[in-house]
């Protein structure tokens, strides 16, 4: 785990870490209001620096 944390910290500090996009989805509640749920967006967006596809 420490090795993974170090790798993540290293990528974040060097500017090479790009988190996945999150899409907000409204979920209806019983009282009629809505709450926002953050859902990972697996679609590739144009203009992102996703280096996984370059390997």
PDB file of N, CA and C in Angstrom:
ATOM      1  N   UNK A   1       0.817  -1.185   0.000  1.00  0.00           N
ATOM      2  CA  UNK A   1       0.000   0.000   0.000  1.00  0.00           C
ATOM      3  C   UNK A   1       0.872   1.264   0.000  1.00  0.00           C
ATOM      4  N   UNK A   2       1.931   1.261   0.788  1.00  0.00           N
ATOM      5  CA  UNK A   2       2.798   2.435   0.817  1.00  0.00           C
ATOM      6  C   UNK A   2       3.397   2.697  -0.553  1.00  0.00           C
ATOM      7  N   UNK A   3       3.729   1.629  -1.283  1.00  0.00           N
ATOM      8  CA  UNK A   3       4.291   1.776  -2.620  1.00  0.00           C
ATOM      9  C   UNK A   3       3.281   2.444  -3.556  1.00  0.00           C
ATOM     10  N   UNK A   4       1.997   2.028  -3.468  1.00  0.00           N
ATOM     11  CA  UNK A   4       0.961   2.631  -4.305  1.00  0.00           C
ATOM     12  C   UNK A   4       0.747   4.092  -3.950  1.00  0.00           C
ATOM     13  N   UNK A   5       0.765   4.413  -2.661  1.00  0.00           N
ATOM     14  CA  UNK A   5       0.602   5.803  -2.238  1.00  0.00           C
ATOM     15  C   UNK A   5       1.759   6.656  -2.733  1.00  0.00           C
ATOM     16  N   UNK A   6       2.960   6.117  -2.672  1.00  0.00           N
ATOM     17  CA  UNK A   6       4.117   6.858  -3.155  1.00  0.00           C
ATOM     18  C   UNK A   6       4.002   7.116  -4.657  1.00  0.00           C
ATOM     19  N   UNK A   7       3.589   6.094  -5.417  1.00  0.00           N
ATOM     20  CA  UNK A   7       3.437   6.266  -6.860  1.00  0.00           C
ATOM     21  C   UNK A   7       2.376   7.323  -7.173  1.00  0.00           C
ATOM     22  N   UNK A   8       1.253   7.271  -6.450  1.00  0.00           N
ATOM     23  CA  UNK A   8       0.195   8.255  -6.661  1.00  0.00           C
ATOM     24  C   UNK A   8       0.680   9.654  -6.305  1.00  0.00           C
ATOM     25  N   UNK A   9       1.335   9.794  -5.162  1.00  0.00           N
ATOM     26  CA  UNK A   9       1.860  11.097  -4.753  1.00  0.00           C
ATOM     27  C   UNK A   9       2.851  11.617  -5.779  1.00  0.00           C
ATOM     28  N   UNK A  10       3.712  10.743  -6.262  1.00  0.00           N
ATOM     29  CA  UNK A  10       4.723  11.129  -7.242  1.00  0.00           C
ATOM     30  C   UNK A  10       4.062  11.619  -8.529  1.00  0.00           C
ATOM     31  N   UNK A  11       3.035  10.903  -9.006  1.00  0.00           N
ATOM     32  CA  UNK A  11       2.326  11.309 -10.221  1.00  0.00           C
ATOM     33  C   UNK A  11       1.594  12.627 -10.021  1.00  0.00           C
ATOM     34  N   UNK A  12       0.992  12.806  -8.844  1.00  0.00           N
ATOM     35  CA  UNK A  12       0.268  14.050  -8.570  1.00  0.00           C
ATOM     36  C   UNK A  12       1.224  15.237  -8.505  1.00  0.00           C
ATOM     37  N   UNK A  13       2.364  15.052  -7.838  1.00  0.00           N
ATOM     38  CA  UNK A  13       3.304  16.157  -7.682  1.00  0.00           C
ATOM     39  C   UNK A  13       4.003  16.505  -8.994  1.00  0.00           C
ATOM     40  N   UNK A  14       4.135  15.535  -9.899  1.00  0.00           N
ATOM     41  CA  UNK A  14       4.801  15.814 -11.174  1.00  0.00           C
ATOM     42  C   UNK A  14       3.822  16.323 -12.231  1.00  0.00           C
ATOM     43  N   UNK A  15       2.524  16.254 -11.936  1.00  0.00           N
ATOM     44  CA  UNK A  15       1.524  16.736 -12.888  1.00  0.00           C
ATOM     45  C   UNK A  15       1.117  15.705 -13.922  1.00  0.00           C
ATOM     46  N   UNK A  16       1.466  14.427 -13.718  1.00  0.00           N
ATOM     47  CA  UNK A  16       1.109  13.403 -14.700  1.00  0.00           C
ATOM     48  C   UNK A  16      -0.106  12.577 -14.277  1.00  0.00           C
ATOM     49  N   UNK A  17      -0.766  12.961 -13.182  1.00  0.00           N
ATOM     50  CA  UNK A  17      -1.950  12.240 -12.724  1.00  0.00           C
ATOM     51  C   UNK A  17      -3.197  12.967 -13.217  1.00  0.00           C
ATOM     52  N   UNK A  18      -4.075  12.253 -13.893  1.00  0.00           N
ATOM     53  CA  UNK A  18      -5.330  12.806 -14.377  1.00  0.00           C
ATOM     54  C   UNK A  18      -6.467  11.913 -13.889  1.00  0.00           C
ATOM     55  N   UNK A  19      -7.250  12.376 -12.895  1.00  0.00           N
ATOM     56  CA  UNK A  19      -8.333  11.543 -12.369  1.00  0.00           C
ATOM     57  C   UNK A  19      -9.427  11.331 -13.406  1.00  0.00           C
ATOM     58  N   UNK A  20     -10.192  10.269 -13.234  1.00  0.00           N
ATOM     59  CA  UNK A  20     -11.305   9.987 -14.129  1.00  0.00           C
ATOM     60  C   UNK A  20     -12.373  11.072 -13.985  1.00  0.00           C
ATOM     61  N   UNK A  21     -13.059  11.329 -15.081  1.00  0.00           N
ATOM     62  CA  UNK A  21     -14.136  12.309 -15.066  1.00  0.00           C
ATOM     63  C   UNK A  21     -15.308  11.771 -14.234  1.00  0.00           C
ATOM     64  N   UNK A  22     -15.997  12.668 -13.549  1.00  0.00           N
ATOM     65  CA  UNK A  22     -17.157  12.288 -12.750  1.00  0.00           C
ATOM     66  C   UNK A  22     -18.374  13.007 -13.309  1.00  0.00           C
ATOM     67  N   UNK A  23     -19.434  12.230 -13.546  1.00  0.00           N
ATOM     68  CA  UNK A  23     -20.674  12.777 -14.077  1.00  0.00           C
ATOM     69  C   UNK A  23     -21.693  12.826 -12.954  1.00  0.00           C
ATOM     70  N   UNK A  24     -22.344  13.951 -12.756  1.00  0.00           N
ATOM     71  CA  UNK A  24     -23.360  14.086 -11.717  1.00  0.00           C
ATOM     72  C   UNK A  24     -24.704  13.570 -12.201  1.00  0.00           C
ATOM     73  N   UNK A  25     -25.346  12.729 -11.397  1.00  0.00           N
ATOM     74  CA  UNK A  25     -26.657  12.185 -11.715  1.00  0.00           C
ATOM     75  C   UNK A  25     -27.580  12.503 -10.550  1.00  0.00           C
ATOM     76  N   UNK A  26     -28.748  13.079 -10.846  1.00  0.00           N
ATOM     77  CA  UNK A  26     -29.697  13.387  -9.786  1.00  0.00           C
ATOM     78  C   UNK A  26     -30.557  12.168  -9.492  1.00  0.00           C
ATOM     79  N   UNK A  27     -30.646  11.809  -8.211  1.00  0.00           N
ATOM     80  CA  UNK A  27     -31.418  10.659  -7.757  1.00  0.00           C
ATOM     81  C   UNK A  27     -32.621  11.198  -6.974  1.00  0.00           C
ATOM     82  N   UNK A  28     -33.845  10.801  -7.334  1.00  0.00           N
ATOM     83  CA  UNK A  28     -35.014  11.280  -6.591  1.00  0.00           C
ATOM     84  C   UNK A  28     -35.081  10.656  -5.196  1.00  0.00           C
ATOM     85  N   UNK A  29     -35.494  11.479  -4.225  1.00  0.00           N
ATOM     86  CA  UNK A  29     -35.663  11.011  -2.856  1.00  0.00           C
ATOM     87  C   UNK A  29     -37.153  10.842  -2.565  1.00  0.00           C
ATOM     88  N   UNK A  30     -37.483  10.163  -1.473  1.00  0.00           N
ATOM     89  CA  UNK A  30     -38.879   9.922  -1.118  1.00  0.00           C
ATOM     90  C   UNK A  30     -39.649  11.206  -0.851  1.00  0.00           C
ATOM     91  N   UNK A  31     -38.963  12.230  -0.343  1.00  0.00           N
ATOM     92  CA  UNK A  31     -39.638  13.480  -0.007  1.00  0.00           C
ATOM     93  C   UNK A  31     -39.832  14.402  -1.218  1.00  0.00           C
ATOM     94  N   UNK A  32     -39.507  13.945  -2.414  1.00  0.00           N
ATOM     95  CA  UNK A  32     -39.683  14.732  -3.626  1.00  0.00           C
ATOM     96  C   UNK A  32     -38.448  15.513  -4.042  1.00  0.00           C
ATOM     97  N   UNK A  33     -37.498  15.676  -3.145  1.00  0.00           N
ATOM     98  CA  UNK A  33     -36.260  16.371  -3.484  1.00  0.00           C
ATOM     99  C   UNK A  33     -35.333  15.426  -4.238  1.00  0.00           C
ATOM    100  N   UNK A  34     -34.234  15.955  -4.711  1.00  0.00           N
ATOM    101  CA  UNK A  34     -33.255  15.135  -5.421  1.00  0.00           C
ATOM    102  C   UNK A  34     -31.902  15.292  -4.757  1.00  0.00           C
ATOM    103  N   UNK A  35     -31.100  14.237  -4.842  1.00  0.00           N
ATOM    104  CA  UNK A  35     -29.727  14.328  -4.349  1.00  0.00           C
ATOM    105  C   UNK A  35     -28.795  14.012  -5.506  1.00  0.00           C
ATOM    106  N   UNK A  36     -27.638  14.633  -5.467  1.00  0.00           N
ATOM    107  CA  UNK A  36     -26.663  14.474  -6.540  1.00  0.00           C
ATOM    108  C   UNK A  36     -25.733  13.308  -6.226  1.00  0.00           C
ATOM    109  N   UNK A  37     -25.597  12.412  -7.178  1.00  0.00           N
ATOM    110  CA  UNK A  37     -24.720  11.259  -7.047  1.00  0.00           C
ATOM    111  C   UNK A  37     -23.599  11.404  -8.056  1.00  0.00           C
ATOM    112  N   UNK A  38     -22.363  11.329  -7.588  1.00  0.00           N
ATOM    113  CA  UNK A  38     -21.210  11.389  -8.487  1.00  0.00           C
ATOM    114  C   UNK A  38     -20.922  10.011  -9.035  1.00  0.00           C
ATOM    115  N   UNK A  39     -20.973   9.868 -10.351  1.00  0.00           N
ATOM    116  CA  UNK A  39     -20.784   8.589 -11.006  1.00  0.00           C
ATOM    117  C   UNK A  39     -19.586   8.692 -11.948  1.00  0.00           C
ATOM    118  N   UNK A  40     -18.661   7.742 -11.853  1.00  0.00           N
ATOM    119  CA  UNK A  40     -17.503   7.758 -12.731  1.00  0.00           C
ATOM    120  C   UNK A  40     -17.959   7.638 -14.176  1.00  0.00           C
ATOM    121  N   UNK A  41     -17.488   8.543 -14.995  1.00  0.00           N
ATOM    122  CA  UNK A  41     -17.851   8.561 -16.406  1.00  0.00           C
ATOM    123  C   UNK A  41     -16.799   7.776 -17.170  1.00  0.00           C
ATOM    124  N   UNK A  42     -17.168   6.619 -17.687  1.00  0.00           N
ATOM    125  CA  UNK A  42     -16.209   5.754 -18.369  1.00  0.00           C
ATOM    126  C   UNK A  42     -16.032   6.095 -19.835  1.00  0.00           C
ATOM    127  N   UNK A  43     -16.826   7.031 -20.344  1.00  0.00           N
ATOM    128  CA  UNK A  43     -16.671   7.438 -21.743  1.00  0.00           C
ATOM    129  C   UNK A  43     -15.433   8.309 -21.875  1.00  0.00           C
ATOM    130  N   UNK A  44     -14.687   8.112 -22.917  1.00  0.00           N
ATOM    131  CA  UNK A  44     -13.489   8.927 -23.153  1.00  0.00           C
ATOM    132  C   UNK A  44     -13.910  10.279 -23.689  1.00  0.00           C
ATOM    133  N   UNK A  45     -13.459  11.329 -23.056  1.00  0.00           N
ATOM    134  CA  UNK A  45     -13.797  12.671 -23.483  1.00  0.00           C
ATOM    135  C   UNK A  45     -12.672  13.229 -24.335  1.00  0.00           C
ATOM    136  N   UNK A  46     -13.032  13.993 -25.356  1.00  0.00           N
ATOM    137  CA  UNK A  46     -12.006  14.573 -26.217  1.00  0.00           C
ATOM    138  C   UNK A  46     -11.242  15.636 -25.449  1.00  0.00           C
ATOM    139  N   UNK A  47      -9.951  15.691 -25.697  1.00  0.00           N
ATOM    140  CA  UNK A  47      -9.111  16.697 -25.062  1.00  0.00           C
ATOM    141  C   UNK A  47      -8.532  16.273 -23.726  1.00  0.00           C
ATOM    142  N   UNK A  48      -8.774  15.055 -23.285  1.00  0.00           N
ATOM    143  CA  UNK A  48      -8.209  14.618 -22.011  1.00  0.00           C
ATOM    144  C   UNK A  48      -6.844  13.995 -22.239  1.00  0.00           C
ATOM    145  N   UNK A  49      -6.016  14.026 -21.232  1.00  0.00           N
ATOM    146  CA  UNK A  49      -4.694  13.419 -21.300  1.00  0.00           C
ATOM    147  C   UNK A  49      -4.721  12.064 -20.598  1.00  0.00           C
ATOM    148  N   UNK A  50      -5.410  11.118 -21.173  1.00  0.00           N
ATOM    149  CA  UNK A  50      -5.517   9.801 -20.597  1.00  0.00           C
ATOM    150  C   UNK A  50      -4.424   8.934 -21.187  1.00  0.00           C
ATOM    151  N   UNK A  51      -3.376   8.723 -20.445  1.00  0.00           N
ATOM    152  CA  UNK A  51      -2.199   8.037 -20.977  1.00  0.00           C
ATOM    153  C   UNK A  51      -2.362   6.528 -21.022  1.00  0.00           C
ATOM    154  N   UNK A  52      -3.420   5.983 -20.429  1.00  0.00           N
ATOM    155  CA  UNK A  52      -3.620   4.536 -20.469  1.00  0.00           C
ATOM    156  C   UNK A  52      -3.794   4.055 -21.893  1.00  0.00           C
ATOM    157  N   UNK A  53      -4.362   4.893 -22.773  1.00  0.00           N
ATOM    158  CA  UNK A  53      -4.620   4.482 -24.141  1.00  0.00           C
ATOM    159  C   UNK A  53      -3.384   4.600 -25.023  1.00  0.00           C
ATOM    160  N   UNK A  54      -2.324   5.222 -24.513  1.00  0.00           N
ATOM    161  CA  UNK A  54      -1.115   5.395 -25.307  1.00  0.00           C
ATOM    162  C   UNK A  54      -0.142   4.242 -25.165  1.00  0.00           C
ATOM    163  N   UNK A  55      -0.379   3.355 -24.200  1.00  0.00           N
ATOM    164  CA  UNK A  55       0.568   2.263 -23.939  1.00  0.00           C
ATOM    165  C   UNK A  55       0.548   1.217 -25.014  1.00  0.00           C
TER     166      UNK A  55
END
